[in-house]
């Protein structure tokens, strides 16, 4: 039987506010690794406090990759992420260091670890037409249309996720084939690394909810609303007709802050809506993670000994 000679990598997954950042830093420092961010908010410049981006001190402790890749009005696809992350991992491994993948964006993990099915190229005219329809009818109406032609995709895509609704409708209108069927086709080559998938998730959901609330209150103390005010003042964002449709602005917390600064509700209502949205994000992340059958789950408060054993069994002794 031949030995598996693929280079090693660690994937630290979990819902928001589960402690992934702190654990990734510890693992990287302990085993000589670089951290590759797997987070769709951290790719954007200026999304710092509200996205819980690693601080300058944390970035100085361990090299980080795939932070601040785009301005908040620019697009960044899962395919682009997979390409950039693979290049970062190859560079890390070539230097004899351990790639430590850390984040909570399931689509990014899937694109990197499993590859993406070949999809039809984007059609600018069709996208503009769908956006115009959304302006007239609203994205929930287009989500309902998607549910008629592709119920599988509609069940996975939230009615307030215009980017994915638009892409799903675009693919169907271009090809007559649902995007969910395209996604079931053979994917590209899998990542040539041996990856240990670790999920950090409190067993008691109320513990996670309390962590989410505490973290959001700390973000407010750190100046989250001032951060959003600075974003709103950027000429690149002011030039966007519908900024709330941008993936960066739709990031959890940012959308609610943007709406609050637009005059929706009071401070207490804003806090409640932002925390509720973060809890919903955590719920979606946990649902996706349950489908990762080869991942090992640990409660960060009670499973530390098991975590250490898993790492010791996977990584060669130094």
C-alpha atoms as a PDB file:
ATOM      1  CA  UNK A   1       0.000   0.000   0.000  1.00  0.00           C
ATOM      2  CA  UNK A   2       1.491   3.348  -1.066  1.00  0.00           C
ATOM      3  CA  UNK A   3       1.796   6.191   1.431  1.00  0.00           C
ATOM      4  CA  UNK A   4      -0.211   9.355   0.866  1.00  0.00           C
ATOM      5  CA  UNK A   5       2.456  11.881  -0.095  1.00  0.00           C
ATOM      6  CA  UNK A   6       0.144  14.849  -0.506  1.00  0.00           C
ATOM      7  CA  UNK A   7       1.060  17.940   1.538  1.00  0.00           C
ATOM      8  CA  UNK A   8      -0.989  18.545   4.674  1.00  0.00           C
ATOM      9  CA  UNK A   9      -3.418  21.348   5.467  1.00  0.00           C
ATOM     10  CA  UNK A  10      -5.778  22.122   8.330  1.00  0.00           C
ATOM     11  CA  UNK A  11      -9.293  23.494   7.736  1.00  0.00           C
ATOM     12  CA  UNK A  12     -10.795  25.255  10.749  1.00  0.00           C
ATOM     13  CA  UNK A  13     -14.506  25.658  10.099  1.00  0.00           C
ATOM     14  CA  UNK A  14     -17.448  26.705  12.187  1.00  0.00           C
ATOM     15  CA  UNK A  15     -20.266  29.196  12.616  1.00  0.00           C
ATOM     16  CA  UNK A  16     -19.579  32.853  13.212  1.00  0.00           C
ATOM     17  CA  UNK A  17     -18.334  33.760  16.704  1.00  0.00           C
ATOM     18  CA  UNK A  18     -17.264  30.184  17.494  1.00  0.00           C
ATOM     19  CA  UNK A  19     -13.612  31.051  18.130  1.00  0.00           C
ATOM     20  CA  UNK A  20     -12.077  30.098  14.771  1.00  0.00           C
ATOM     21  CA  UNK A  21      -9.712  33.080  14.587  1.00  0.00           C
ATOM     22  CA  UNK A  22      -8.102  32.498  17.977  1.00  0.00           C
ATOM     23  CA  UNK A  23      -7.739  28.765  17.379  1.00  0.00           C
ATOM     24  CA  UNK A  24      -6.296  29.264  13.883  1.00  0.00           C
ATOM     25  CA  UNK A  25      -3.693  31.643  15.294  1.00  0.00           C
ATOM     26  CA  UNK A  26      -2.755  29.105  17.944  1.00  0.00           C
ATOM     27  CA  UNK A  27      -2.480  26.244  15.450  1.00  0.00           C
ATOM     28  CA  UNK A  28      -0.432  28.318  13.013  1.00  0.00           C
ATOM     29  CA  UNK A  29       1.977  29.475  15.701  1.00  0.00           C
ATOM     30  CA  UNK A  30       2.297  25.999  17.189  1.00  0.00           C
ATOM     31  CA  UNK A  31       2.889  24.131  13.926  1.00  0.00           C
ATOM     32  CA  UNK A  32       4.593  26.741  11.759  1.00  0.00           C
ATOM     33  CA  UNK A  33       1.677  27.693   9.544  1.00  0.00           C
ATOM     34  CA  UNK A  34       0.220  30.543   7.531  1.00  0.00           C
ATOM     35  CA  UNK A  35      -3.485  31.361   7.754  1.00  0.00           C
ATOM     36  CA  UNK A  36      -5.571  31.440   4.568  1.00  0.00           C
ATOM     37  CA  UNK A  37      -8.826  33.286   5.201  1.00  0.00           C
ATOM     38  CA  UNK A  38     -11.952  31.514   3.933  1.00  0.00           C
ATOM     39  CA  UNK A  39     -14.363  34.369   4.544  1.00  0.00           C
ATOM     40  CA  UNK A  40     -16.356  36.277   1.949  1.00  0.00           C
ATOM     41  CA  UNK A  41     -16.409  39.489   4.027  1.00  0.00           C
ATOM     42  CA  UNK A  42     -12.703  39.615   4.846  1.00  0.00           C
ATOM     43  CA  UNK A  43     -11.771  39.879   1.167  1.00  0.00           C
ATOM     44  CA  UNK A  44     -13.053  43.475   1.214  1.00  0.00           C
ATOM     45  CA  UNK A  45     -10.972  46.468   2.215  1.00  0.00           C
ATOM     46  CA  UNK A  46     -12.563  48.576   4.919  1.00  0.00           C
ATOM     47  CA  UNK A  47     -14.665  45.754   6.357  1.00  0.00           C
ATOM     48  CA  UNK A  48     -12.656  45.397   9.529  1.00  0.00           C
ATOM     49  CA  UNK A  49     -14.554  45.799  12.789  1.00  0.00           C
ATOM     50  CA  UNK A  50     -17.895  44.447  11.611  1.00  0.00           C
ATOM     51  CA  UNK A  51     -16.289  41.500   9.815  1.00  0.00           C
ATOM     52  CA  UNK A  52     -14.056  40.624  12.799  1.00  0.00           C
ATOM     53  CA  UNK A  53     -10.995  40.891  10.564  1.00  0.00           C
ATOM     54  CA  UNK A  54      -7.785  39.801  12.325  1.00  0.00           C
ATOM     55  CA  UNK A  55      -6.154  42.805  13.945  1.00  0.00           C
ATOM     56  CA  UNK A  56      -2.785  44.195  12.920  1.00  0.00           C
ATOM     57  CA  UNK A  57      -1.234  42.516  15.960  1.00  0.00           C
ATOM     58  CA  UNK A  58      -2.774  39.178  14.998  1.00  0.00           C
ATOM     59  CA  UNK A  59      -1.597  39.558  11.411  1.00  0.00           C
ATOM     60  CA  UNK A  60       1.887  40.369  12.709  1.00  0.00           C
ATOM     61  CA  UNK A  61       1.930  37.139  14.743  1.00  0.00           C
ATOM     62  CA  UNK A  62       1.192  34.881  11.765  1.00  0.00           C
ATOM     63  CA  UNK A  63       1.221  35.531   7.997  1.00  0.00           C
ATOM     64  CA  UNK A  64      -2.337  35.890   6.668  1.00  0.00           C
ATOM     65  CA  UNK A  65      -3.531  35.477   3.084  1.00  0.00           C
ATOM     66  CA  UNK A  66      -6.625  36.598   1.141  1.00  0.00           C
ATOM     67  CA  UNK A  67      -7.482  39.594   3.280  1.00  0.00           C
ATOM     68  CA  UNK A  68      -8.309  42.939   1.615  1.00  0.00           C
ATOM     69  CA  UNK A  69      -8.409  41.538  -1.911  1.00  0.00           C
ATOM     70  CA  UNK A  70     -11.071  43.874  -3.305  1.00  0.00           C
ATOM     71  CA  UNK A  71     -12.692  47.251  -2.747  1.00  0.00           C
ATOM     72  CA  UNK A  72     -16.231  46.908  -1.367  1.00  0.00           C
ATOM     73  CA  UNK A  73     -17.878  47.869  -4.664  1.00  0.00           C
ATOM     74  CA  UNK A  74     -15.987  45.176  -6.601  1.00  0.00           C
ATOM     75  CA  UNK A  75     -17.044  41.588  -7.260  1.00  0.00           C
ATOM     76  CA  UNK A  76     -15.119  38.534  -6.096  1.00  0.00           C
ATOM     77  CA  UNK A  77     -16.362  35.087  -7.072  1.00  0.00           C
ATOM     78  CA  UNK A  78     -15.940  31.703  -5.452  1.00  0.00           C
ATOM     79  CA  UNK A  79     -13.940  30.616  -8.497  1.00  0.00           C
ATOM     80  CA  UNK A  80     -11.550  33.554  -8.037  1.00  0.00           C
ATOM     81  CA  UNK A  81     -11.228  32.667  -4.373  1.00  0.00           C
ATOM     82  CA  UNK A  82     -10.424  29.026  -5.164  1.00  0.00           C
ATOM     83  CA  UNK A  83      -7.701  30.113  -7.611  1.00  0.00           C
ATOM     84  CA  UNK A  84      -6.175  32.630  -5.197  1.00  0.00           C
ATOM     85  CA  UNK A  85      -6.373  30.272  -2.208  1.00  0.00           C
ATOM     86  CA  UNK A  86      -4.764  27.414  -4.136  1.00  0.00           C
ATOM     87  CA  UNK A  87      -1.910  29.685  -5.180  1.00  0.00           C
ATOM     88  CA  UNK A  88      -1.473  30.850  -1.578  1.00  0.00           C
ATOM     89  CA  UNK A  89      -1.486  27.267  -0.286  1.00  0.00           C
ATOM     90  CA  UNK A  90       1.080  26.155  -2.842  1.00  0.00           C
ATOM     91  CA  UNK A  91       3.360  29.018  -1.835  1.00  0.00           C
ATOM     92  CA  UNK A  92       2.968  28.219   1.860  1.00  0.00           C
ATOM     93  CA  UNK A  93       3.698  24.521   1.323  1.00  0.00           C
ATOM     94  CA  UNK A  94       6.702  25.336  -0.893  1.00  0.00           C
ATOM     95  CA  UNK A  95       8.181  27.279   2.020  1.00  0.00           C
ATOM     96  CA  UNK A  96       7.794  24.231   4.256  1.00  0.00           C
ATOM     97  CA  UNK A  97       4.941  25.737   6.244  1.00  0.00           C
ATOM     98  CA  UNK A  98       1.446  24.477   7.021  1.00  0.00           C
ATOM     99  CA  UNK A  99      -1.594  26.005   5.279  1.00  0.00           C
ATOM    100  CA  UNK A 100      -4.256  26.715   7.907  1.00  0.00           C
ATOM    101  CA  UNK A 101      -7.607  27.426   6.251  1.00  0.00           C
ATOM    102  CA  UNK A 102      -9.893  29.345   8.593  1.00  0.00           C
ATOM    103  CA  UNK A 103     -13.346  30.781   8.024  1.00  0.00           C
ATOM    104  CA  UNK A 104     -17.048  30.214   7.753  1.00  0.00           C
ATOM    105  CA  UNK A 105     -17.935  30.685   4.080  1.00  0.00           C
ATOM    106  CA  UNK A 106     -19.135  27.274   2.936  1.00  0.00           C
ATOM    107  CA  UNK A 107     -19.185  28.138  -0.755  1.00  0.00           C
ATOM    108  CA  UNK A 108     -15.528  29.155  -0.605  1.00  0.00           C
ATOM    109  CA  UNK A 109     -14.569  25.947   1.176  1.00  0.00           C
ATOM    110  CA  UNK A 110     -16.496  23.879  -1.372  1.00  0.00           C
ATOM    111  CA  UNK A 111     -14.911  25.697  -4.313  1.00  0.00           C
ATOM    112  CA  UNK A 112     -11.416  25.205  -2.916  1.00  0.00           C
ATOM    113  CA  UNK A 113     -11.618  21.669  -1.548  1.00  0.00           C
ATOM    114  CA  UNK A 114     -13.954  20.032  -4.066  1.00  0.00           C
ATOM    115  CA  UNK A 115     -13.686  22.202  -7.158  1.00  0.00           C
ATOM    116  CA  UNK A 116     -16.511  23.894  -9.016  1.00  0.00           C
ATOM    117  CA  UNK A 117     -18.538  22.616 -11.933  1.00  0.00           C
ATOM    118  CA  UNK A 118     -17.942  24.376 -15.219  1.00  0.00           C
ATOM    119  CA  UNK A 119     -20.616  27.048 -15.592  1.00  0.00           C
ATOM    120  CA  UNK A 120     -21.776  29.212 -18.489  1.00  0.00           C
ATOM    121  CA  UNK A 121     -19.920  32.510 -18.704  1.00  0.00           C
ATOM    122  CA  UNK A 122     -21.631  35.602 -17.354  1.00  0.00           C
ATOM    123  CA  UNK A 123     -23.815  37.547 -19.776  1.00  0.00           C
ATOM    124  CA  UNK A 124     -23.664  41.283 -19.007  1.00  0.00           C
ATOM    125  CA  UNK A 125     -26.834  42.164 -20.927  1.00  0.00           C
ATOM    126  CA  UNK A 126     -28.877  39.430 -19.282  1.00  0.00           C
ATOM    127  CA  UNK A 127     -27.567  40.394 -15.845  1.00  0.00           C
ATOM    128  CA  UNK A 128     -28.572  43.996 -16.456  1.00  0.00           C
ATOM    129  CA  UNK A 129     -32.039  42.848 -17.520  1.00  0.00           C
ATOM    130  CA  UNK A 130     -32.451  40.755 -14.350  1.00  0.00           C
ATOM    131  CA  UNK A 131     -31.265  43.664 -12.218  1.00  0.00           C
ATOM    132  CA  UNK A 132     -33.795  45.953 -13.892  1.00  0.00           C
ATOM    133  CA  UNK A 133     -36.564  43.437 -13.186  1.00  0.00           C
ATOM    134  CA  UNK A 134     -35.463  43.311  -9.561  1.00  0.00           C
ATOM    135  CA  UNK A 135     -35.656  47.088  -9.396  1.00  0.00           C
ATOM    136  CA  UNK A 136     -39.262  46.933 -10.570  1.00  0.00           C
ATOM    137  CA  UNK A 137     -40.494  43.776  -8.815  1.00  0.00           C
ATOM    138  CA  UNK A 138     -38.086  43.223  -5.934  1.00  0.00           C
ATOM    139  CA  UNK A 139     -35.673  40.366  -5.307  1.00  0.00           C
ATOM    140  CA  UNK A 140     -38.233  38.290  -3.337  1.00  0.00           C
ATOM    141  CA  UNK A 141     -40.384  38.160  -6.476  1.00  0.00           C
ATOM    142  CA  UNK A 142     -37.427  36.963  -8.536  1.00  0.00           C
ATOM    143  CA  UNK A 143     -36.654  34.413  -5.839  1.00  0.00           C
ATOM    144  CA  UNK A 144     -40.229  33.139  -6.203  1.00  0.00           C
ATOM    145  CA  UNK A 145     -39.649  32.888  -9.963  1.00  0.00           C
ATOM    146  CA  UNK A 146     -36.476  30.912  -9.302  1.00  0.00           C
ATOM    147  CA  UNK A 147     -38.435  28.554  -7.061  1.00  0.00           C
ATOM    148  CA  UNK A 148     -40.675  27.727 -10.028  1.00  0.00           C
ATOM    149  CA  UNK A 149     -37.816  26.789 -12.366  1.00  0.00           C
ATOM    150  CA  UNK A 150     -35.245  25.511  -9.881  1.00  0.00           C
ATOM    151  CA  UNK A 151     -36.730  24.656  -6.476  1.00  0.00           C
ATOM    152  CA  UNK A 152     -33.498  22.973  -5.363  1.00  0.00           C
ATOM    153  CA  UNK A 153     -31.469  26.145  -5.863  1.00  0.00           C
ATOM    154  CA  UNK A 154     -34.216  28.341  -4.403  1.00  0.00           C
ATOM    155  CA  UNK A 155     -34.209  26.249  -1.230  1.00  0.00           C
ATOM    156  CA  UNK A 156     -30.486  26.956  -0.788  1.00  0.00           C
ATOM    157  CA  UNK A 157     -30.572  30.643  -1.733  1.00  0.00           C
ATOM    158  CA  UNK A 158     -32.087  33.180   0.629  1.00  0.00           C
ATOM    159  CA  UNK A 159     -34.689  35.556  -0.780  1.00  0.00           C
ATOM    160  CA  UNK A 160     -32.472  38.497   0.225  1.00  0.00           C
ATOM    161  CA  UNK A 161     -29.378  37.242  -1.626  1.00  0.00           C
ATOM    162  CA  UNK A 162     -29.585  39.100  -4.958  1.00  0.00           C
ATOM    163  CA  UNK A 163     -26.183  38.020  -6.270  1.00  0.00           C
ATOM    164  CA  UNK A 164     -26.984  34.307  -6.122  1.00  0.00           C
ATOM    165  CA  UNK A 165     -30.601  34.778  -7.282  1.00  0.00           C
ATOM    166  CA  UNK A 166     -29.340  36.729 -10.268  1.00  0.00           C
ATOM    167  CA  UNK A 167     -26.742  34.107 -11.160  1.00  0.00           C
ATOM    168  CA  UNK A 168     -29.204  31.221 -10.838  1.00  0.00           C
ATOM    169  CA  UNK A 169     -31.757  32.938 -13.073  1.00  0.00           C
ATOM    170  CA  UNK A 170     -29.024  33.947 -15.512  1.00  0.00           C
ATOM    171  CA  UNK A 171     -27.833  30.347 -15.903  1.00  0.00           C
ATOM    172  CA  UNK A 172     -31.367  29.049 -16.374  1.00  0.00           C
ATOM    173  CA  UNK A 173     -32.295  31.698 -18.940  1.00  0.00           C
ATOM    174  CA  UNK A 174     -29.055  31.185 -20.851  1.00  0.00           C
ATOM    175  CA  UNK A 175     -29.207  27.399 -21.000  1.00  0.00           C
ATOM    176  CA  UNK A 176     -32.674  26.237 -19.996  1.00  0.00           C
ATOM    177  CA  UNK A 177     -30.977  24.012 -17.413  1.00  0.00           C
ATOM    178  CA  UNK A 178     -31.298  24.758 -13.665  1.00  0.00           C
ATOM    179  CA  UNK A 179     -28.109  25.852 -11.952  1.00  0.00           C
ATOM    180  CA  UNK A 180     -28.624  23.062  -9.401  1.00  0.00           C
ATOM    181  CA  UNK A 181     -28.298  20.539 -12.233  1.00  0.00           C
ATOM    182  CA  UNK A 182     -25.123  22.205 -13.467  1.00  0.00           C
ATOM    183  CA  UNK A 183     -23.739  21.983  -9.935  1.00  0.00           C
ATOM    184  CA  UNK A 184     -24.416  18.250  -9.803  1.00  0.00           C
ATOM    185  CA  UNK A 185     -22.232  17.662 -12.844  1.00  0.00           C
ATOM    186  CA  UNK A 186     -18.662  16.478 -12.452  1.00  0.00           C
ATOM    187  CA  UNK A 187     -16.586  19.062 -10.675  1.00  0.00           C
ATOM    188  CA  UNK A 188     -13.040  20.110 -11.392  1.00  0.00           C
ATOM    189  CA  UNK A 189     -10.010  18.416  -9.927  1.00  0.00           C
ATOM    190  CA  UNK A 190     -10.074  18.156  -6.151  1.00  0.00           C
ATOM    191  CA  UNK A 191      -7.465  19.980  -4.111  1.00  0.00           C
ATOM    192  CA  UNK A 192      -4.262  17.859  -4.038  1.00  0.00           C
ATOM    193  CA  UNK A 193      -3.790  18.245  -0.283  1.00  0.00           C
ATOM    194  CA  UNK A 194      -4.629  15.977   2.627  1.00  0.00           C
ATOM    195  CA  UNK A 195      -6.901  18.167   4.716  1.00  0.00           C
ATOM    196  CA  UNK A 196      -7.998  17.687   8.309  1.00  0.00           C
ATOM    197  CA  UNK A 197     -11.398  19.358   8.697  1.00  0.00           C
ATOM    198  CA  UNK A 198     -12.110  20.615  12.198  1.00  0.00           C
ATOM    199  CA  UNK A 199     -15.457  22.202  13.074  1.00  0.00           C
ATOM    200  CA  UNK A 200     -15.624  24.435  16.153  1.00  0.00           C
ATOM    201  CA  UNK A 201     -19.211  24.687  17.367  1.00  0.00           C
ATOM    202  CA  UNK A 202     -20.670  24.970  20.878  1.00  0.00           C
ATOM    203  CA  UNK A 203     -22.999  22.054  21.572  1.00  0.00           C
ATOM    204  CA  UNK A 204     -25.402  24.406  23.363  1.00  0.00           C
ATOM    205  CA  UNK A 205     -26.872  26.834  20.832  1.00  0.00           C
ATOM    206  CA  UNK A 206     -27.597  29.385  23.578  1.00  0.00           C
ATOM    207  CA  UNK A 207     -23.861  29.617  24.231  1.00  0.00           C
ATOM    208  CA  UNK A 208     -23.257  30.550  20.601  1.00  0.00           C
ATOM    209  CA  UNK A 209     -26.090  33.091  20.699  1.00  0.00           C
ATOM    210  CA  UNK A 210     -24.569  34.705  23.776  1.00  0.00           C
ATOM    211  CA  UNK A 211     -21.158  34.862  22.081  1.00  0.00           C
ATOM    212  CA  UNK A 212     -22.741  36.506  19.026  1.00  0.00           C
ATOM    213  CA  UNK A 213     -24.415  39.178  21.153  1.00  0.00           C
ATOM    214  CA  UNK A 214     -21.273  39.898  23.176  1.00  0.00           C
ATOM    215  CA  UNK A 215     -19.149  40.152  20.073  1.00  0.00           C
ATOM    216  CA  UNK A 216     -21.560  42.528  18.364  1.00  0.00           C
ATOM    217  CA  UNK A 217     -21.694  44.788  21.439  1.00  0.00           C
ATOM    218  CA  UNK A 218     -17.892  44.848  21.439  1.00  0.00           C
ATOM    219  CA  UNK A 219     -17.920  45.807  17.759  1.00  0.00           C
ATOM    220  CA  UNK A 220     -20.194  48.732  18.573  1.00  0.00           C
ATOM    221  CA  UNK A 221     -17.802  49.832  21.327  1.00  0.00           C
ATOM    222  CA  UNK A 222     -14.901  49.599  18.888  1.00  0.00           C
ATOM    223  CA  UNK A 223     -16.594  51.999  16.449  1.00  0.00           C
ATOM    224  CA  UNK A 224     -18.464  49.780  13.998  1.00  0.00           C
ATOM    225  CA  UNK A 225     -20.949  52.496  13.032  1.00  0.00           C
ATOM    226  CA  UNK A 226     -18.115  54.947  12.346  1.00  0.00           C
ATOM    227  CA  UNK A 227     -16.564  52.283  10.112  1.00  0.00           C
ATOM    228  CA  UNK A 228     -19.805  52.025   8.117  1.00  0.00           C
ATOM    229  CA  UNK A 229     -19.994  55.823   7.889  1.00  0.00           C
ATOM    230  CA  UNK A 230     -16.501  55.822   6.364  1.00  0.00           C
ATOM    231  CA  UNK A 231     -17.557  53.171   3.878  1.00  0.00           C
ATOM    232  CA  UNK A 232     -20.639  55.165   2.882  1.00  0.00           C
ATOM    233  CA  UNK A 233     -18.435  58.186   2.183  1.00  0.00           C
ATOM    234  CA  UNK A 234     -16.209  56.343  -0.299  1.00  0.00           C
ATOM    235  CA  UNK A 235     -16.718  57.703  -3.839  1.00  0.00           C
ATOM    236  CA  UNK A 236     -16.698  54.177  -5.245  1.00  0.00           C
ATOM    237  CA  UNK A 237     -19.675  53.223  -3.079  1.00  0.00           C
ATOM    238  CA  UNK A 238     -21.485  56.504  -3.597  1.00  0.00           C
ATOM    239  CA  UNK A 239     -21.340  55.823  -7.330  1.00  0.00           C
ATOM    240  CA  UNK A 240     -23.302  52.562  -6.932  1.00  0.00           C
ATOM    241  CA  UNK A 241     -27.022  52.972  -7.586  1.00  0.00           C
ATOM    242  CA  UNK A 242     -28.085  50.134  -5.275  1.00  0.00           C
ATOM    243  CA  UNK A 243     -25.314  49.664  -2.688  1.00  0.00           C
ATOM    244  CA  UNK A 244     -27.428  47.306  -0.577  1.00  0.00           C
ATOM    245  CA  UNK A 245     -27.202  44.787  -3.426  1.00  0.00           C
ATOM    246  CA  UNK A 246     -23.400  44.631  -3.171  1.00  0.00           C
ATOM    247  CA  UNK A 247     -22.006  41.486  -1.512  1.00  0.00           C
ATOM    248  CA  UNK A 248     -19.816  43.608   0.774  1.00  0.00           C
ATOM    249  CA  UNK A 249     -22.701  45.715   2.040  1.00  0.00           C
ATOM    250  CA  UNK A 250     -24.905  42.631   2.424  1.00  0.00           C
ATOM    251  CA  UNK A 251     -22.380  41.128   4.853  1.00  0.00           C
ATOM    252  CA  UNK A 252     -24.073  40.413   8.158  1.00  0.00           C
ATOM    253  CA  UNK A 253     -24.224  43.511  10.333  1.00  0.00           C
ATOM    254  CA  UNK A 254     -23.237  45.887   7.548  1.00  0.00           C
ATOM    255  CA  UNK A 255     -26.614  45.787   5.850  1.00  0.00           C
ATOM    256  CA  UNK A 256     -28.405  46.502   9.134  1.00  0.00           C
ATOM    257  CA  UNK A 257     -25.971  49.319   9.958  1.00  0.00           C
ATOM    258  CA  UNK A 258     -26.417  50.822   6.495  1.00  0.00           C
ATOM    259  CA  UNK A 259     -30.205  50.756   6.869  1.00  0.00           C
ATOM    260  CA  UNK A 260     -29.964  52.279  10.357  1.00  0.00           C
ATOM    261  CA  UNK A 261     -27.816  55.130   9.039  1.00  0.00           C
ATOM    262  CA  UNK A 262     -30.425  55.584   6.307  1.00  0.00           C
ATOM    263  CA  UNK A 263     -32.953  56.261   9.080  1.00  0.00           C
ATOM    264  CA  UNK A 264     -34.542  52.855   9.612  1.00  0.00           C
ATOM    265  CA  UNK A 265     -35.395  52.273  13.272  1.00  0.00           C
ATOM    266  CA  UNK A 266     -33.564  53.342  16.408  1.00  0.00           C
ATOM    267  CA  UNK A 267     -30.307  52.110  17.907  1.00  0.00           C
ATOM    268  CA  UNK A 268     -31.988  49.325  19.889  1.00  0.00           C
ATOM    269  CA  UNK A 269     -33.819  48.089  16.787  1.00  0.00           C
ATOM    270  CA  UNK A 270     -30.578  48.151  14.793  1.00  0.00           C
ATOM    271  CA  UNK A 271     -28.776  46.085  17.434  1.00  0.00           C
ATOM    272  CA  UNK A 272     -31.612  43.564  17.609  1.00  0.00           C
ATOM    273  CA  UNK A 273     -31.819  43.152  13.845  1.00  0.00           C
ATOM    274  CA  UNK A 274     -28.045  42.792  13.458  1.00  0.00           C
ATOM    275  CA  UNK A 275     -27.796  40.142  16.158  1.00  0.00           C
ATOM    276  CA  UNK A 276     -30.798  38.279  14.720  1.00  0.00           C
ATOM    277  CA  UNK A 277     -29.201  38.332  11.253  1.00  0.00           C
ATOM    278  CA  UNK A 278     -25.961  36.987  12.691  1.00  0.00           C
ATOM    279  CA  UNK A 279     -27.824  34.163  14.405  1.00  0.00           C
ATOM    280  CA  UNK A 280     -29.485  33.302  11.105  1.00  0.00           C
ATOM    281  CA  UNK A 281     -26.074  33.258   9.428  1.00  0.00           C
ATOM    282  CA  UNK A 282     -24.789  30.893  12.102  1.00  0.00           C
ATOM    283  CA  UNK A 283     -27.791  28.638  11.555  1.00  0.00           C
ATOM    284  CA  UNK A 284     -27.116  28.475   7.806  1.00  0.00           C
ATOM    285  CA  UNK A 285     -23.440  27.781   8.428  1.00  0.00           C
ATOM    286  CA  UNK A 286     -24.257  24.919  10.799  1.00  0.00           C
ATOM    287  CA  UNK A 287     -26.667  23.448   8.263  1.00  0.00           C
ATOM    288  CA  UNK A 288     -23.945  23.452   5.618  1.00  0.00           C
ATOM    289  CA  UNK A 289     -21.348  22.039   7.990  1.00  0.00           C
ATOM    290  CA  UNK A 290     -23.555  19.049   8.817  1.00  0.00           C
ATOM    291  CA  UNK A 291     -23.147  18.041   5.180  1.00  0.00           C
ATOM    292  CA  UNK A 292     -19.364  17.854   5.573  1.00  0.00           C
ATOM    293  CA  UNK A 293     -19.367  14.198   6.544  1.00  0.00           C
ATOM    294  CA  UNK A 294     -15.582  13.950   6.850  1.00  0.00           C
ATOM    295  CA  UNK A 295     -15.326  16.875   9.280  1.00  0.00           C
ATOM    296  CA  UNK A 296     -14.690  16.330  12.983  1.00  0.00           C
ATOM    297  CA  UNK A 297     -16.774  18.397  15.414  1.00  0.00           C
ATOM    298  CA  UNK A 298     -15.535  19.855  18.685  1.00  0.00           C
ATOM    299  CA  UNK A 299     -17.077  22.095  21.317  1.00  0.00           C
ATOM    300  CA  UNK A 300     -14.326  24.700  21.884  1.00  0.00           C
ATOM    301  CA  UNK A 301     -15.220  24.896  25.600  1.00  0.00           C
ATOM    302  CA  UNK A 302     -15.169  21.176  26.386  1.00  0.00           C
ATOM    303  CA  UNK A 303     -13.388  19.428  23.529  1.00  0.00           C
ATOM    304  CA  UNK A 304      -9.883  20.827  23.790  1.00  0.00           C
ATOM    305  CA  UNK A 305      -8.237  17.518  24.696  1.00  0.00           C
ATOM    306  CA  UNK A 306      -9.898  15.823  21.715  1.00  0.00           C
ATOM    307  CA  UNK A 307      -8.818  18.680  19.440  1.00  0.00           C
ATOM    308  CA  UNK A 308      -5.213  18.304  20.535  1.00  0.00           C
ATOM    309  CA  UNK A 309      -5.332  14.547  19.912  1.00  0.00           C
ATOM    310  CA  UNK A 310      -6.761  15.062  16.437  1.00  0.00           C
ATOM    311  CA  UNK A 311      -3.964  17.474  15.572  1.00  0.00           C
ATOM    312  CA  UNK A 312      -1.289  15.219  17.042  1.00  0.00           C
ATOM    313  CA  UNK A 313      -2.500  12.226  15.041  1.00  0.00           C
ATOM    314  CA  UNK A 314      -2.655  14.193  11.794  1.00  0.00           C
ATOM    315  CA  UNK A 315       0.565  16.207  11.953  1.00  0.00           C
ATOM    316  CA  UNK A 316       3.977  14.616  12.122  1.00  0.00           C
ATOM    317  CA  UNK A 317       5.839  15.133  15.372  1.00  0.00           C
ATOM    318  CA  UNK A 318       8.232  18.030  15.166  1.00  0.00           C
END
